[in-house]
Amino acid sequence: SDKQAISVGFVGYPNVGKSSVINTLRTKNVCKVAPIPGETKVWQYITLTKRIFLIDCPGVVYQNKDSETDIVLKGVVRITNLEDASEHIGEVLRRVKKEHLQRAYKIEDWVDENDFLVQLCRSTGKLLKGGEPDLMTAAKMILHDWQRGKIPFFVAPPQQQEGDPSGNSNLPDASEEPTISTDRTAAAMKAIAGIISSQQLMHVPAHKDFGNVIETETKKIEHPEEDASPSEI
């Protein structure tokens, strides 16, 4: 019913912005955030409205075929906990455009990741006794910058290729029955629309079309006959 409370859990990899999304919805810092994984350690319940509650969950790491380097570069583990940070630098150099690295570290050219680390140690004064370069510290500096977004890098979201023989699609089948009742969906739509309206009154930026989409979807749920074709009525 419209009076039933709704709980929304935020679940995903560590350090992807779950707590930041909640802070944005609440328009204030109710969840502690940091650019390192593992900042959220326990479940935290946040009241969004009288009937909508948000649950901030600790990050979870799913079992997959990712290598250790992939996991490190996804920000899932803390840099300070790495046994050998230098073994992941080669992948950073392969992923990031050379001009970005040159601009960030003032290094014009290098042979490989070891040469890059040696030059970085000399330019930043990260040296051990006897003048030996401290490769481990330099590697942690680079990974630290990577996790905090100081090194420009992004990838486009995956898309299904045309003519994919697998026939897989990320879109739900329109023929499938909805798993949530229309009454509860309509109630959720109304609640979210109310939040957007209140944020606009407080001069909080909101997507201009989002409220229209919610209003349209709510209308379809409450009065499906208005959008149905003559053959469907």
Protein backbone atom coordinates (compact mmCIF):
# COMPACT_ATOMS: atom_id res chain seq x y z
CA SER A 1 0.00 0.00 0.00
CA ASP A 2 0.96 3.68 -0.17
CA LYS A 3 1.72 3.64 3.57
CA GLN A 4 4.17 0.75 3.41
CA ALA A 5 7.81 1.62 4.12
CA ILE A 6 10.42 1.06 1.44
CA SER A 7 14.02 0.07 2.22
CA VAL A 8 16.69 0.47 -0.46
CA GLY A 9 20.08 -1.21 -0.03
CA PHE A 10 23.25 0.04 -1.74
CA VAL A 11 25.43 -2.98 -2.51
CA GLY A 12 28.55 -3.22 -4.66
CA TYR A 13 32.32 -3.18 -4.88
CA PRO A 14 34.25 -1.14 -2.30
CA ASN A 15 35.14 2.44 -3.19
CA VAL A 16 32.63 2.92 -6.03
CA GLY A 17 30.55 5.70 -4.45
CA LYS A 18 27.68 4.01 -2.60
CA SER A 19 27.95 6.34 0.39
CA SER A 20 28.38 9.36 -1.90
CA VAL A 21 25.11 8.58 -3.67
CA ILE A 22 23.31 8.46 -0.32
CA ASN A 23 24.86 11.78 0.73
CA THR A 24 23.67 13.30 -2.54
CA LEU A 25 20.12 12.06 -2.02
CA ARG A 26 20.10 13.40 1.55
CA THR A 27 21.76 16.66 0.42
CA LYS A 28 24.16 16.47 3.36
CA ASN A 29 26.95 14.26 4.65
CA VAL A 30 25.24 11.52 6.61
CA CYS A 31 27.69 8.78 5.57
CA LYS A 32 31.43 8.97 6.03
CA VAL A 33 33.26 8.81 2.70
CA ALA A 34 36.91 8.50 1.69
CA PRO A 35 38.77 7.72 -1.55
CA ILE A 36 39.95 4.41 -0.11
CA PRO A 37 38.16 1.06 0.12
CA GLY A 38 36.72 -0.23 3.37
CA GLU A 39 35.60 3.08 4.86
CA THR A 40 32.07 1.72 5.47
CA LYS A 41 32.44 -1.12 7.98
CA VAL A 42 28.87 -1.75 9.21
CA TRP A 43 25.36 -1.38 7.83
CA GLN A 44 24.00 2.11 8.32
CA TYR A 45 20.32 3.02 8.05
CA ILE A 46 19.49 6.51 6.78
CA THR A 47 16.02 8.04 6.71
CA LEU A 48 15.33 9.65 3.34
CA THR A 49 11.63 10.32 3.96
CA LYS A 50 9.04 9.01 6.40
CA ARG A 51 8.55 5.96 4.21
CA ILE A 52 11.88 5.52 2.41
CA PHE A 53 14.98 4.23 4.20
CA LEU A 54 18.43 3.85 2.65
CA ILE A 55 20.88 1.16 3.75
CA ASP A 56 24.59 1.88 3.30
CA CYS A 57 26.36 -1.49 3.14
CA PRO A 58 30.07 -2.33 3.33
CA GLY A 59 31.67 -3.13 0.00
CA VAL A 60 31.66 -6.71 -1.19
CA VAL A 61 34.09 -8.38 -3.60
CA TYR A 62 32.51 -10.87 -5.96
CA GLN A 63 34.30 -13.98 -7.14
CA ASN A 64 35.37 -13.54 -10.75
CA LYS A 65 38.30 -14.04 -13.09
CA ASP A 66 39.94 -10.68 -12.35
CA SER A 67 43.68 -10.77 -11.78
CA GLU A 68 45.25 -9.28 -8.67
CA THR A 69 46.24 -6.22 -10.69
CA ASP A 70 42.66 -5.75 -11.93
CA ILE A 71 41.43 -5.88 -8.34
CA VAL A 72 44.03 -3.34 -7.21
CA LEU A 73 43.22 -0.93 -10.04
CA LYS A 74 39.51 -1.19 -9.26
CA GLY A 75 40.29 0.24 -5.84
CA VAL A 76 39.08 -2.83 -3.98
CA VAL A 77 42.15 -3.15 -1.73
CA ARG A 78 44.14 -0.58 0.18
CA ILE A 79 47.50 0.35 -1.27
CA THR A 80 49.17 0.13 2.15
CA ASN A 81 48.25 -3.56 2.35
CA LEU A 82 50.05 -4.55 -0.87
CA GLU A 83 53.16 -6.69 -0.51
CA ASP A 84 54.66 -5.54 -3.83
CA ALA A 85 53.04 -2.44 -5.28
CA SER A 86 55.56 -2.18 -8.12
CA GLU A 87 54.20 -5.25 -9.93
CA HIS A 88 51.01 -3.34 -10.79
CA ILE A 89 52.66 -0.26 -12.30
CA GLY A 90 53.17 -1.83 -15.73
CA GLU A 91 49.41 -2.09 -16.23
CA VAL A 92 48.92 1.54 -15.20
CA LEU A 93 51.46 2.64 -17.82
CA ARG A 94 49.69 0.55 -20.45
CA ARG A 95 46.24 1.93 -19.65
CA VAL A 96 46.99 5.62 -19.23
CA LYS A 97 47.92 7.83 -22.17
CA LYS A 98 51.56 8.82 -22.20
CA GLU A 99 50.84 12.55 -22.23
CA HIS A 100 48.83 12.25 -19.01
CA LEU A 101 51.73 10.53 -17.25
CA GLN A 102 54.19 13.08 -18.60
CA ARG A 103 52.04 15.92 -17.29
CA ALA A 104 51.47 14.30 -13.89
CA TYR A 105 55.05 13.23 -13.12
CA LYS A 106 57.22 15.45 -15.36
CA ILE A 107 58.87 12.42 -16.95
CA GLU A 108 59.37 12.78 -20.71
CA ASP A 109 60.20 9.22 -21.73
CA TRP A 110 60.91 5.79 -20.25
CA VAL A 111 61.85 2.29 -21.34
CA ASP A 112 59.62 0.24 -19.05
CA GLU A 113 57.88 0.42 -15.69
CA ASN A 114 61.14 -0.06 -13.79
CA ASP A 115 62.77 2.84 -15.64
CA PHE A 116 59.69 4.97 -14.94
CA LEU A 117 59.86 4.19 -11.22
CA VAL A 118 63.60 4.92 -11.07
CA GLN A 119 63.13 8.31 -12.73
CA LEU A 120 60.23 9.11 -10.40
CA CYS A 121 62.33 8.22 -7.34
CA ARG A 122 65.11 10.53 -8.46
CA SER A 123 62.80 13.43 -9.30
CA THR A 124 60.91 13.18 -5.99
CA GLY A 125 63.85 12.30 -3.76
CA LYS A 126 62.52 8.86 -2.82
CA LEU A 127 65.89 7.25 -2.19
CA LEU A 128 67.17 4.64 0.24
CA LYS A 129 70.55 4.56 1.93
CA GLY A 130 73.34 4.70 -0.59
CA GLY A 131 71.18 6.54 -3.12
CA GLU A 132 69.23 3.47 -4.20
CA PRO A 133 65.76 4.31 -5.58
CA ASP A 134 62.88 3.38 -3.29
CA LEU A 135 60.78 1.66 -5.96
CA MET A 136 58.13 0.46 -3.50
CA THR A 137 57.36 3.96 -2.23
CA ALA A 138 57.24 5.36 -5.76
CA ALA A 139 54.90 2.58 -6.87
CA LYS A 140 52.55 3.26 -3.96
CA MET A 141 52.56 6.95 -4.88
CA ILE A 142 51.36 6.11 -8.40
CA LEU A 143 48.68 3.69 -7.22
CA HIS A 144 47.60 6.24 -4.61
CA ASP A 145 47.16 8.83 -7.36
CA TRP A 146 45.32 6.28 -9.52
CA GLN A 147 42.76 5.46 -6.85
CA ARG A 148 42.09 9.14 -6.16
CA GLY A 149 41.60 10.01 -9.81
CA LYS A 150 44.70 12.17 -10.15
CA ILE A 151 45.72 10.14 -13.22
CA PRO A 152 43.13 10.69 -15.99
CA PHE A 153 41.62 7.41 -17.19
CA PHE A 154 38.20 6.08 -18.14
CA VAL A 155 36.61 3.34 -20.20
CA ALA A 156 33.33 3.43 -22.09
CA PRO A 157 30.51 1.24 -20.67
CA PRO A 158 30.13 -2.15 -22.37
CA GLN A 159 27.55 -2.42 -25.12
CA GLN A 160 26.07 -5.39 -26.93
CA GLN A 161 27.61 -5.79 -30.36
CA GLU A 162 25.32 -5.90 -33.36
CA GLY A 163 24.77 -9.41 -34.62
CA ASP A 164 25.86 -10.98 -31.34
CA PRO A 165 25.34 -14.72 -31.88
CA SER A 166 24.77 -15.29 -28.19
CA GLY A 167 21.58 -13.24 -28.35
CA ASN A 168 22.21 -12.01 -24.82
CA SER A 169 20.80 -8.65 -23.85
CA ASN A 170 20.97 -6.60 -20.69
CA LEU A 171 17.48 -5.25 -21.28
CA PRO A 172 14.58 -6.97 -19.50
CA ASP A 173 12.09 -8.95 -21.55
CA ALA A 174 8.98 -6.83 -22.09
CA SER A 175 6.85 -9.97 -22.09
CA GLU A 176 7.83 -10.84 -18.53
CA GLU A 177 5.43 -10.01 -15.71
CA PRO A 178 6.62 -7.27 -13.35
CA THR A 179 7.94 -8.60 -10.07
CA ILE A 180 6.67 -5.60 -8.07
CA SER A 181 3.00 -4.75 -7.78
CA THR A 182 1.78 -1.64 -9.56
CA ASP A 183 0.52 -0.17 -6.28
CA ARG A 184 3.95 -0.32 -4.65
CA THR A 185 5.65 0.95 -7.80
CA ALA A 186 3.27 3.89 -7.99
CA ALA A 187 3.90 4.66 -4.32
CA ALA A 188 7.66 4.64 -4.89
CA MET A 189 7.32 6.88 -7.94
CA LYS A 190 5.24 9.39 -5.97
CA ALA A 191 7.73 9.39 -3.09
CA ILE A 192 10.71 9.99 -5.37
CA ALA A 193 8.83 12.73 -7.21
CA GLY A 194 8.19 14.38 -3.84
CA ILE A 195 11.89 14.25 -2.99
CA ILE A 196 12.82 15.89 -6.27
CA SER A 197 10.25 18.62 -5.69
CA SER A 198 11.60 19.32 -2.21
CA GLN A 199 15.18 19.44 -3.53
CA GLN A 200 14.16 21.94 -6.19
CA LEU A 201 12.61 24.13 -3.49
CA MET A 202 15.94 24.00 -1.65
CA HIS A 203 17.73 24.91 -4.90
CA VAL A 204 19.41 21.51 -5.11
CA PRO A 205 20.36 20.62 -8.73
CA ALA A 206 18.18 17.88 -10.15
CA HIS A 207 17.89 16.34 -13.60
CA LYS A 208 15.29 18.34 -15.49
CA ASP A 209 13.74 15.36 -17.27
CA PHE A 210 13.77 12.99 -14.31
CA GLY A 211 10.61 14.37 -12.73
CA ASN A 212 8.80 14.20 -16.06
CA VAL A 213 9.79 10.57 -16.47
CA ILE A 214 8.50 9.74 -12.99
CA GLU A 215 5.24 11.59 -13.61
CA THR A 216 4.73 9.76 -16.91
CA GLU A 217 5.52 6.36 -15.44
CA THR A 218 3.23 6.98 -12.48
CA LYS A 219 0.40 7.99 -14.79
CA LYS A 220 0.88 4.82 -16.83
CA ILE A 221 0.74 2.70 -13.68
CA GLU A 222 -2.36 4.41 -12.27
CA HIS A 223 -4.23 4.74 -15.61
CA PRO A 224 -2.85 2.16 -18.05
CA GLU A 225 -5.96 2.42 -20.24
CA GLU A 226 -5.04 5.97 -21.30
CA ASP A 227 -1.91 4.80 -23.16
CA ALA A 228 -3.31 1.57 -24.50
CA SER A 229 -4.12 1.24 -28.18
CA PRO A 230 -7.75 0.53 -29.24
CA SER A 231 -6.87 -3.08 -29.90
CA GLU A 232 -5.51 -3.50 -26.38
CA ILE A 233 -8.54 -2.05 -24.55
